[in-house]
Structure formats: structure tokens, C-alpha cells
Amino acid sequence: MTLLARAGGESAVRAAVDRFVDRMAADFVIGFFFEGKDLERIKLHEFQHAVRTLGGDVAYTGRPIVPLHRPLRINGGQFRRRLAILRAELAGFSEEVRDTWVNEQLSLQAQMTDGTDCTP
């Protein structure tokens, strides 16, 4: 059984991703990154990435991570805020599903951030 199946399938992952993206967009720390962005498109690509991470057979149709995220100048603190929101949304999943999903996101930190941490 794949982690995707243990997570409740694509519908459970889609619901978690939808909540995750909505919370990020509304967040007082990182929400500004989502102003004027197509949240449905972001949800689709987050969903595709999550399903693949959990062993599903879905193609990722989003743009490459580095050219998409580097211009945003995301710092380490903002990335950690994103992970905190993700962890909160994954609270109802098994530890194995949560750890796999979060660890995959952690593996992308260097690609998504500008190499700085929080600055005054």
C-alpha cells in the first residue's frame, strides 16, 4: 500500500493542500507572496507534488522550482513559516505520511530560498 493510499487517497491530499495554500495566502508572515497569484493553480501544483511524494502516479505540470521561487527572495524564516503551516494541516495524517511530506519539502529549501535567514 502506498503512502498515498494510507493518507486517504488523492481526495484527502487535495483537501489538505487546499487548506494549506489558503492558510499560506492568508498568513500574516508569508501571505504577501500570494497576493495577485492564481491560488487554484498553486493548489494544483502543490497537489501534484504531494501526490508524487506519497507514491502516486500524477505528472507535475508546474514550472521548475528554482526560477519560480528565487526571484521571490524567500528567506529561511519565511520557509520555516511555510513548513509550520504545512505541519498544522498534516496533523490528521499518520506520522509516516507527515514525515515523508515534510521531509520532501525540507529537501527543497535550498532551491526555494535565497540563502538568507530572517533579517530585521
C-alpha atoms as a PDB file:
ATOM      1  CA  MET A   1       0.000   0.000   0.000  1.00  0.00           C
ATOM      2  CA  THR A   2       1.422   3.394  -0.967  1.00  0.00           C
ATOM      3  CA  LEU A   3       1.673   6.290   1.428  1.00  0.00           C
ATOM      4  CA  LEU A   4      -0.905   7.983  -0.767  1.00  0.00           C
ATOM      5  CA  ALA A   5      -3.399   5.213  -0.015  1.00  0.00           C
ATOM      6  CA  ARG A   6      -2.532   5.359   3.690  1.00  0.00           C
ATOM      7  CA  ALA A   7      -3.132   9.109   3.577  1.00  0.00           C
ATOM      8  CA  GLY A   8      -6.690   8.526   2.395  1.00  0.00           C
ATOM      9  CA  GLY A   9      -6.056   8.863  -1.319  1.00  0.00           C
ATOM     10  CA  GLU A  10      -5.988  11.826  -3.638  1.00  0.00           C
ATOM     11  CA  SER A  11      -9.130  13.410  -2.205  1.00  0.00           C
ATOM     12  CA  ALA A  12      -7.618  13.603   1.290  1.00  0.00           C
ATOM     13  CA  VAL A  13      -4.384  15.035  -0.081  1.00  0.00           C
ATOM     14  CA  ARG A  14      -6.279  17.562  -2.206  1.00  0.00           C
ATOM     15  CA  ALA A  15      -8.261  18.745   0.816  1.00  0.00           C
ATOM     16  CA  ALA A  16      -5.071  19.157   2.869  1.00  0.00           C
ATOM     17  CA  VAL A  17      -3.332  21.029   0.041  1.00  0.00           C
ATOM     18  CA  ASP A  18      -6.315  23.332  -0.441  1.00  0.00           C
ATOM     19  CA  ARG A  19      -6.321  24.231   3.265  1.00  0.00           C
ATOM     20  CA  PHE A  20      -2.533  24.610   3.239  1.00  0.00           C
ATOM     21  CA  VAL A  21      -2.486  27.044   0.314  1.00  0.00           C
ATOM     22  CA  ASP A  22      -5.430  29.021   1.702  1.00  0.00           C
ATOM     23  CA  ARG A  23      -3.687  29.338   5.065  1.00  0.00           C
ATOM     24  CA  MET A  24      -0.423  30.435   3.466  1.00  0.00           C
ATOM     25  CA  ALA A  25      -2.227  33.043   1.386  1.00  0.00           C
ATOM     26  CA  ALA A  26      -3.954  34.411   4.489  1.00  0.00           C
ATOM     27  CA  ASP A  27      -0.899  34.243   6.738  1.00  0.00           C
ATOM     28  CA  PHE A  28       0.392  37.480   8.244  1.00  0.00           C
ATOM     29  CA  VAL A  29       4.027  36.461   7.698  1.00  0.00           C
ATOM     30  CA  ILE A  30       4.076  34.962   4.194  1.00  0.00           C
ATOM     31  CA  GLY A  31       0.690  35.861   2.724  1.00  0.00           C
ATOM     32  CA  PHE A  32       2.121  38.725   0.696  1.00  0.00           C
ATOM     33  CA  PHE A  33       3.865  36.188  -1.551  1.00  0.00           C
ATOM     34  CA  PHE A  34       0.431  35.066  -2.753  1.00  0.00           C
ATOM     35  CA  GLU A  35      -1.134  38.465  -3.456  1.00  0.00           C
ATOM     36  CA  GLY A  36      -2.409  38.571  -7.021  1.00  0.00           C
ATOM     37  CA  LYS A  37      -1.444  34.939  -7.650  1.00  0.00           C
ATOM     38  CA  ASP A  38      -3.708  32.232  -9.055  1.00  0.00           C
ATOM     39  CA  LEU A  39      -4.336  30.173  -5.910  1.00  0.00           C
ATOM     40  CA  GLU A  40      -6.089  27.412  -7.834  1.00  0.00           C
ATOM     41  CA  ARG A  41      -3.007  26.936  -9.988  1.00  0.00           C
ATOM     42  CA  ILE A  42      -0.771  26.883  -6.900  1.00  0.00           C
ATOM     43  CA  LYS A  43      -3.083  24.315  -5.301  1.00  0.00           C
ATOM     44  CA  LEU A  44      -2.911  22.143  -8.410  1.00  0.00           C
ATOM     45  CA  HIS A  45       0.885  22.120  -8.458  1.00  0.00           C
ATOM     46  CA  GLU A  46       1.189  21.592  -4.692  1.00  0.00           C
ATOM     47  CA  PHE A  47      -1.268  18.706  -5.041  1.00  0.00           C
ATOM     48  CA  GLN A  48       0.674  17.147  -7.905  1.00  0.00           C
ATOM     49  CA  HIS A  49       3.916  17.412  -5.989  1.00  0.00           C
ATOM     50  CA  ALA A  50       2.395  15.959  -2.816  1.00  0.00           C
ATOM     51  CA  VAL A  51       0.795  13.027  -4.631  1.00  0.00           C
ATOM     52  CA  ARG A  52       4.102  12.172  -6.318  1.00  0.00           C
ATOM     53  CA  THR A  53       5.900  12.460  -2.974  1.00  0.00           C
ATOM     54  CA  LEU A  54       3.448   9.978  -1.468  1.00  0.00           C
ATOM     55  CA  GLY A  55       3.865   7.450  -4.265  1.00  0.00           C
ATOM     56  CA  GLY A  56       1.047   8.437  -6.593  1.00  0.00           C
ATOM     57  CA  ASP A  57       1.266   8.460 -10.353  1.00  0.00           C
ATOM     58  CA  VAL A  58       0.491  12.071 -11.226  1.00  0.00           C
ATOM     59  CA  ALA A  59       2.546  14.257 -13.522  1.00  0.00           C
ATOM     60  CA  TYR A  60       3.867  17.537 -12.147  1.00  0.00           C
ATOM     61  CA  THR A  61       2.906  20.272 -14.611  1.00  0.00           C
ATOM     62  CA  GLY A  62       4.306  23.260 -12.739  1.00  0.00           C
ATOM     63  CA  ARG A  63       7.303  25.356 -13.614  1.00  0.00           C
ATOM     64  CA  PRO A  64      10.767  24.440 -12.300  1.00  0.00           C
ATOM     65  CA  ILE A  65      11.212  25.346  -8.632  1.00  0.00           C
ATOM     66  CA  VAL A  66      14.383  27.456  -8.783  1.00  0.00           C
ATOM     67  CA  PRO A  67      13.397  30.028 -11.451  1.00  0.00           C
ATOM     68  CA  LEU A  68       9.939  30.273  -9.919  1.00  0.00           C
ATOM     69  CA  HIS A  69      10.969  30.817  -6.286  1.00  0.00           C
ATOM     70  CA  ARG A  70      14.388  32.522  -6.363  1.00  0.00           C
ATOM     71  CA  PRO A  71      13.071  35.871  -7.614  1.00  0.00           C
ATOM     72  CA  LEU A  72      10.721  35.945  -4.607  1.00  0.00           C
ATOM     73  CA  ARG A  73      13.723  36.174  -2.240  1.00  0.00           C
ATOM     74  CA  ILE A  74      12.192  33.787   0.296  1.00  0.00           C
ATOM     75  CA  ASN A  75      14.339  33.681   3.407  1.00  0.00           C
ATOM     76  CA  GLY A  76      14.824  30.831   5.872  1.00  0.00           C
ATOM     77  CA  GLY A  77      12.327  32.179   8.377  1.00  0.00           C
ATOM     78  CA  GLN A  78       9.635  32.510   5.738  1.00  0.00           C
ATOM     79  CA  PHE A  79      10.344  28.967   4.573  1.00  0.00           C
ATOM     80  CA  ARG A  80      10.054  27.703   8.174  1.00  0.00           C
ATOM     81  CA  ARG A  81       6.722  29.515   8.473  1.00  0.00           C
ATOM     82  CA  ARG A  82       5.520  27.628   5.386  1.00  0.00           C
ATOM     83  CA  LEU A  83       6.594  24.346   6.991  1.00  0.00           C
ATOM     84  CA  ALA A  84       4.796  25.225  10.239  1.00  0.00           C
ATOM     85  CA  ILE A  85       1.579  25.798   8.303  1.00  0.00           C
ATOM     86  CA  LEU A  86       2.075  22.539   6.414  1.00  0.00           C
ATOM     87  CA  ARG A  87       2.683  20.599   9.638  1.00  0.00           C
ATOM     88  CA  ALA A  88      -0.521  22.027  11.110  1.00  0.00           C
ATOM     89  CA  GLU A  89      -2.507  20.894   8.078  1.00  0.00           C
ATOM     90  CA  LEU A  90      -0.986  17.411   8.218  1.00  0.00           C
ATOM     91  CA  ALA A  91      -1.842  16.814  11.874  1.00  0.00           C
ATOM     92  CA  GLY A  92      -4.559  14.289  10.995  1.00  0.00           C
ATOM     93  CA  PHE A  93      -2.269  12.109   8.883  1.00  0.00           C
ATOM     94  CA  SER A  94      -0.045   9.289  10.085  1.00  0.00           C
ATOM     95  CA  GLU A  95       3.462  10.120  11.256  1.00  0.00           C
ATOM     96  CA  GLU A  96       4.932   8.346   8.226  1.00  0.00           C
ATOM     97  CA  VAL A  97       2.848  10.418   5.805  1.00  0.00           C
ATOM     98  CA  ARG A  98       3.617  13.655   7.663  1.00  0.00           C
ATOM     99  CA  ASP A  99       7.353  12.940   7.846  1.00  0.00           C
ATOM    100  CA  THR A 100       7.597  11.957   4.176  1.00  0.00           C
ATOM    101  CA  TRP A 101       5.689  15.045   3.028  1.00  0.00           C
ATOM    102  CA  VAL A 102       7.563  17.473   5.289  1.00  0.00           C
ATOM    103  CA  ASN A 103      10.980  15.937   4.592  1.00  0.00           C
ATOM    104  CA  GLU A 104      10.400  16.277   0.854  1.00  0.00           C
ATOM    105  CA  GLN A 105       9.627  19.962   1.379  1.00  0.00           C
ATOM    106  CA  LEU A 106      12.746  20.337   3.536  1.00  0.00           C
ATOM    107  CA  SER A 107      14.828  18.856   0.725  1.00  0.00           C
ATOM    108  CA  LEU A 108      13.690  21.772  -1.468  1.00  0.00           C
ATOM    109  CA  GLN A 109      14.696  24.543   0.937  1.00  0.00           C
ATOM    110  CA  ALA A 110      17.947  25.419  -0.835  1.00  0.00           C
ATOM    111  CA  GLN A 111      16.088  25.624  -4.144  1.00  0.00           C
ATOM    112  CA  MET A 112      13.243  27.744  -2.785  1.00  0.00           C
ATOM    113  CA  THR A 113      15.116  30.216  -0.587  1.00  0.00           C
ATOM    114  CA  ASP A 114      17.690  32.913  -1.218  1.00  0.00           C
ATOM    115  CA  GLY A 115      20.152  31.589   1.372  1.00  0.00           C
ATOM    116  CA  THR A 116      19.442  34.240   3.986  1.00  0.00           C
ATOM    117  CA  ASP A 117      17.609  33.901   7.245  1.00  0.00           C
ATOM    118  CA  CYS A 118      15.263  36.357   8.933  1.00  0.00           C
ATOM    119  CA  THR A 119      16.551  39.909   8.738  1.00  0.00           C
ATOM    120  CA  PRO A 120      15.409  42.973  10.668  1.00  0.00           C
END
